[in-house]
Amino acid sequence: MPPRWPREPDRKDPAYRKLDDRMNFAVHALFAALCNSGLWFFHNLRSTSWDWLPWVTGSWVAVLLVHLIYISAIADYSDLASQETPPKST
């Protein structure tokens, strides 16, 4: 069952952006796992000599690691709505 968002989804909402980025990472990790496990399965099943396969897997793991570092340490999930509105002068 997909997660339910209690209000209208808006990319300006920091909580929604954070959840959306984490869900995108989960889809990226799932796709990488499916593709790489399938490649390694056929590599072992047919006893092929795919010298490029460890490079593909290593590269994909490196990209996943960069993606994880971005969403957990670099991404700014502060409130965009307050940044866009100019302060009121009285």
Protein backbone atom coordinates (compact mmCIF):
# COMPACT_ATOMS: atom_id res chain seq x y z
CA MET A 1 0.00 0.00 0.00
CA PRO A 2 1.50 3.35 -1.01
CA PRO A 3 2.03 6.00 1.64
CA ARG A 4 -0.78 8.52 2.01
CA TRP A 5 -0.02 12.21 2.18
CA PRO A 6 -2.42 14.00 4.58
CA ARG A 7 -2.61 17.20 2.51
CA GLU A 8 -2.24 18.41 -1.07
CA PRO A 9 1.25 17.36 -2.36
CA ASP A 10 3.45 20.37 -3.02
CA ARG A 11 7.19 20.37 -3.82
CA LYS A 12 7.51 23.55 -1.72
CA ASP A 13 6.59 21.53 1.39
CA PRO A 14 9.89 20.36 2.93
CA ALA A 15 8.40 17.21 4.45
CA TYR A 16 6.91 16.21 1.09
CA ARG A 17 10.22 16.91 -0.73
CA LYS A 18 12.10 14.78 1.77
CA LEU A 19 9.65 11.89 1.42
CA ASP A 20 9.65 12.21 -2.36
CA ASP A 21 13.46 12.17 -2.54
CA ARG A 22 13.62 9.10 -0.31
CA MET A 23 11.00 7.28 -2.40
CA ASN A 24 12.94 8.15 -5.57
CA PHE A 25 16.08 6.72 -3.96
CA ALA A 26 14.21 3.54 -3.02
CA VAL A 27 13.02 3.11 -6.62
CA HIS A 28 16.57 3.75 -7.86
CA ALA A 29 17.99 1.14 -5.44
CA LEU A 30 15.30 -1.39 -6.38
CA PHE A 31 15.93 -0.92 -10.11
CA ALA A 32 19.68 -1.28 -9.57
CA ALA A 33 19.22 -4.44 -7.53
CA LEU A 34 16.88 -5.99 -10.10
CA CYS A 35 19.09 -5.19 -13.08
CA ASN A 36 22.35 -6.21 -11.45
CA SER A 37 20.99 -9.42 -9.95
CA GLY A 38 19.56 -10.38 -13.34
CA LEU A 39 22.85 -9.67 -15.09
CA TRP A 40 24.83 -11.66 -12.52
CA PHE A 41 22.29 -14.51 -12.66
CA PHE A 42 22.69 -14.92 -16.42
CA HIS A 43 26.44 -14.39 -16.15
CA ASN A 44 26.69 -17.35 -13.75
CA LEU A 45 24.02 -19.46 -15.46
CA ARG A 46 25.65 -19.34 -18.88
CA SER A 47 29.25 -19.15 -17.61
CA THR A 48 29.92 -16.09 -19.73
CA SER A 49 33.05 -14.01 -19.64
CA TRP A 50 31.54 -10.58 -19.22
CA ASP A 51 34.55 -8.58 -18.10
CA TRP A 52 32.50 -5.40 -18.01
CA LEU A 53 29.96 -6.67 -15.47
CA PRO A 54 31.92 -5.86 -12.28
CA TRP A 55 32.50 -2.34 -13.63
CA VAL A 56 28.78 -1.86 -14.26
CA THR A 57 27.89 -3.09 -10.79
CA GLY A 58 30.60 -1.02 -9.11
CA SER A 59 29.62 2.10 -11.02
CA TRP A 60 25.98 1.65 -10.14
CA VAL A 61 26.85 1.18 -6.46
CA ALA A 62 28.94 4.36 -6.59
CA VAL A 63 26.05 6.32 -8.12
CA LEU A 64 23.68 4.93 -5.48
CA LEU A 65 26.11 5.97 -2.76
CA VAL A 66 26.30 9.51 -4.16
CA HIS A 67 22.50 9.61 -4.35
CA LEU A 68 22.24 8.46 -0.72
CA ILE A 69 24.79 11.02 0.46
CA TYR A 70 22.90 13.75 -1.37
CA ILE A 71 19.50 13.00 0.16
CA SER A 72 20.85 12.38 3.66
CA ALA A 73 23.52 15.08 4.02
CA ILE A 74 23.47 17.66 1.22
CA ALA A 75 19.83 18.28 0.28
CA ASP A 76 18.28 21.34 1.90
CA TYR A 77 14.77 20.58 3.12
CA SER A 78 14.11 23.97 4.64
CA ASP A 79 10.85 25.73 3.98
CA LEU A 80 10.87 27.17 0.44
CA ALA A 81 7.63 29.09 0.94
CA SER A 82 9.21 31.34 3.56
CA GLN A 83 12.23 31.96 1.33
CA GLU A 84 10.15 33.07 -1.65
CA THR A 85 7.98 35.64 0.10
CA PRO A 86 9.71 38.93 0.83
CA PRO A 87 9.58 40.10 4.45
CA LYS A 88 6.80 42.50 5.30
CA SER A 89 7.91 45.98 6.24
CA THR A 90 5.79 47.90 8.72
